[in-house]
Amino acid sequence: MTKAEIVNEIAKNTGIDKATVLTTVESFMETVKDSLAKKDNVYLRGFGSFIIKERAEKKARNISKNTTITIPAHNIPAFRPAKSFTEVVK
């Protein structure tokens, strides 16, 4: 499902015009990104959590040059679904 399809579905279910729904959806996504950029997790009860996972420094191999490189520690965004969310999908 694309963002446009989500906007259409919400507009159809709520009766709110698509422009307002699009602004709301984009604002939600921007707020989540900003929070994760500040290393603040976002918790949505009954839906799931947008969290920051910390990856440790590790060694990797460059096969084409036959060398070892070090990948520095870094953070990645992740989504952890709530139990009720997982049960509905199963």
C-alpha atoms as a PDB file:
ATOM      1  CA  MET A   1       0.000   0.000   0.000  1.00  0.00           C
ATOM      2  CA  THR A   2       1.386   3.395  -0.959  1.00  0.00           C
ATOM      3  CA  LYS A   3       1.062   6.714   0.866  1.00  0.00           C
ATOM      4  CA  ALA A   4      -1.519   7.843  -1.724  1.00  0.00           C
ATOM      5  CA  GLU A   5      -3.600   4.720  -1.100  1.00  0.00           C
ATOM      6  CA  ILE A   6      -3.404   5.302   2.666  1.00  0.00           C
ATOM      7  CA  VAL A   7      -4.560   8.899   2.187  1.00  0.00           C
ATOM      8  CA  ASN A   8      -7.451   7.768  -0.037  1.00  0.00           C
ATOM      9  CA  GLU A   9      -8.538   5.111   2.469  1.00  0.00           C
ATOM     10  CA  ILE A  10      -8.458   7.494   5.441  1.00  0.00           C
ATOM     11  CA  ALA A  11     -10.307  10.196   3.470  1.00  0.00           C
ATOM     12  CA  LYS A  12     -12.976   7.676   2.436  1.00  0.00           C
ATOM     13  CA  ASN A  13     -13.419   6.316   5.980  1.00  0.00           C
ATOM     14  CA  THR A  14     -13.485   9.688   7.771  1.00  0.00           C
ATOM     15  CA  GLY A  15     -15.025  12.034   5.204  1.00  0.00           C
ATOM     16  CA  ILE A  16     -12.098  14.456   5.574  1.00  0.00           C
ATOM     17  CA  ASP A  17     -10.764  15.921   2.327  1.00  0.00           C
ATOM     18  CA  LYS A  18      -7.638  14.315   0.858  1.00  0.00           C
ATOM     19  CA  ALA A  19      -5.474  17.442   1.135  1.00  0.00           C
ATOM     20  CA  THR A  20      -5.993  17.606   4.907  1.00  0.00           C
ATOM     21  CA  VAL A  21      -5.358  13.886   5.312  1.00  0.00           C
ATOM     22  CA  LEU A  22      -2.186  14.116   3.195  1.00  0.00           C
ATOM     23  CA  THR A  23      -0.902  16.998   5.327  1.00  0.00           C
ATOM     24  CA  THR A  24      -1.650  15.033   8.494  1.00  0.00           C
ATOM     25  CA  VAL A  25       0.037  11.840   7.265  1.00  0.00           C
ATOM     26  CA  GLU A  26       3.128  13.723   6.085  1.00  0.00           C
ATOM     27  CA  SER A  27       3.267  15.632   9.374  1.00  0.00           C
ATOM     28  CA  PHE A  28       3.078  12.346  11.304  1.00  0.00           C
ATOM     29  CA  MET A  29       5.919  10.838   9.272  1.00  0.00           C
ATOM     30  CA  GLU A  30       8.040  13.971   9.687  1.00  0.00           C
ATOM     31  CA  THR A  31       7.445  13.971  13.454  1.00  0.00           C
ATOM     32  CA  VAL A  32       8.512  10.320  13.715  1.00  0.00           C
ATOM     33  CA  LYS A  33      11.666  11.004  11.656  1.00  0.00           C
ATOM     34  CA  ASP A  34      12.541  14.063  13.749  1.00  0.00           C
ATOM     35  CA  SER A  35      12.049  12.138  16.993  1.00  0.00           C
ATOM     36  CA  LEU A  36      14.237   9.265  15.824  1.00  0.00           C
ATOM     37  CA  ALA A  37      16.892  11.727  14.621  1.00  0.00           C
ATOM     38  CA  LYS A  38      16.984  13.089  18.193  1.00  0.00           C
ATOM     39  CA  LYS A  39      17.273   9.465  19.427  1.00  0.00           C
ATOM     40  CA  ASP A  40      13.796   9.564  21.000  1.00  0.00           C
ATOM     41  CA  ASN A  41      11.767   6.399  20.450  1.00  0.00           C
ATOM     42  CA  VAL A  42       8.106   6.701  19.395  1.00  0.00           C
ATOM     43  CA  TYR A  43       5.590   4.421  21.141  1.00  0.00           C
ATOM     44  CA  LEU A  44       2.083   3.918  19.712  1.00  0.00           C
ATOM     45  CA  ARG A  45       0.083   1.714  22.079  1.00  0.00           C
ATOM     46  CA  GLY A  46      -1.686  -1.105  20.233  1.00  0.00           C
ATOM     47  CA  PHE A  47       0.273  -0.468  17.028  1.00  0.00           C
ATOM     48  CA  GLY A  48       3.994  -0.633  17.710  1.00  0.00           C
ATOM     49  CA  SER A  49       7.167   1.293  18.394  1.00  0.00           C
ATOM     50  CA  PHE A  50       9.571   3.130  16.144  1.00  0.00           C
ATOM     51  CA  ILE A  51      12.927   2.656  17.824  1.00  0.00           C
ATOM     52  CA  ILE A  52      16.619   3.328  17.296  1.00  0.00           C
ATOM     53  CA  LYS A  53      18.839   0.247  17.241  1.00  0.00           C
ATOM     54  CA  GLU A  54      22.522   0.671  17.929  1.00  0.00           C
ATOM     55  CA  ARG A  55      24.876  -1.378  15.781  1.00  0.00           C
ATOM     56  CA  ALA A  56      28.309  -2.091  17.230  1.00  0.00           C
ATOM     57  CA  GLU A  57      31.543  -1.596  15.319  1.00  0.00           C
ATOM     58  CA  LYS A  58      32.456  -4.675  13.302  1.00  0.00           C
ATOM     59  CA  LYS A  59      35.018  -6.035  10.901  1.00  0.00           C
ATOM     60  CA  ALA A  60      34.015  -6.862   7.326  1.00  0.00           C
ATOM     61  CA  ARG A  61      35.794  -8.158   4.235  1.00  0.00           C
ATOM     62  CA  ASN A  62      36.101  -6.497   0.866  1.00  0.00           C
ATOM     63  CA  ILE A  63      36.257  -9.630  -1.274  1.00  0.00           C
ATOM     64  CA  SER A  64      37.269  -7.903  -4.512  1.00  0.00           C
ATOM     65  CA  LYS A  65      40.345  -6.262  -2.918  1.00  0.00           C
ATOM     66  CA  ASN A  66      40.907  -9.034  -0.340  1.00  0.00           C
ATOM     67  CA  THR A  67      41.117  -6.534   2.519  1.00  0.00           C
ATOM     68  CA  THR A  68      39.527  -6.172   5.913  1.00  0.00           C
ATOM     69  CA  ILE A  69      37.604  -3.000   6.689  1.00  0.00           C
ATOM     70  CA  THR A  70      36.070  -1.678   9.894  1.00  0.00           C
ATOM     71  CA  ILE A  71      32.446  -0.616   9.835  1.00  0.00           C
ATOM     72  CA  PRO A  72      31.977   2.019  12.550  1.00  0.00           C
ATOM     73  CA  ALA A  73      29.230   1.837  15.177  1.00  0.00           C
ATOM     74  CA  HIS A  74      26.013   3.418  13.955  1.00  0.00           C
ATOM     75  CA  ASN A  75      22.285   3.723  14.656  1.00  0.00           C
ATOM     76  CA  ILE A  76      19.460   2.442  12.458  1.00  0.00           C
ATOM     77  CA  PRO A  77      15.694   3.008  12.668  1.00  0.00           C
ATOM     78  CA  ALA A  78      13.486  -0.020  13.296  1.00  0.00           C
ATOM     79  CA  PHE A  79       9.825  -0.837  13.854  1.00  0.00           C
ATOM     80  CA  ARG A  80       8.728  -3.258  16.555  1.00  0.00           C
ATOM     81  CA  PRO A  81       5.024  -4.200  16.197  1.00  0.00           C
ATOM     82  CA  ALA A  82       2.773  -4.545  19.244  1.00  0.00           C
ATOM     83  CA  LYS A  83       1.482  -8.004  20.180  1.00  0.00           C
ATOM     84  CA  SER A  84      -2.063  -7.120  19.099  1.00  0.00           C
ATOM     85  CA  PHE A  85      -0.702  -5.888  15.735  1.00  0.00           C
ATOM     86  CA  THR A  86       1.219  -9.135  15.223  1.00  0.00           C
ATOM     87  CA  GLU A  87      -1.808 -11.272  16.111  1.00  0.00           C
ATOM     88  CA  VAL A  88      -3.988  -9.512  13.515  1.00  0.00           C
ATOM     89  CA  VAL A  89      -1.379 -10.000  10.782  1.00  0.00           C
ATOM     90  CA  LYS A  90      -0.878 -13.697  11.583  1.00  0.00           C
END
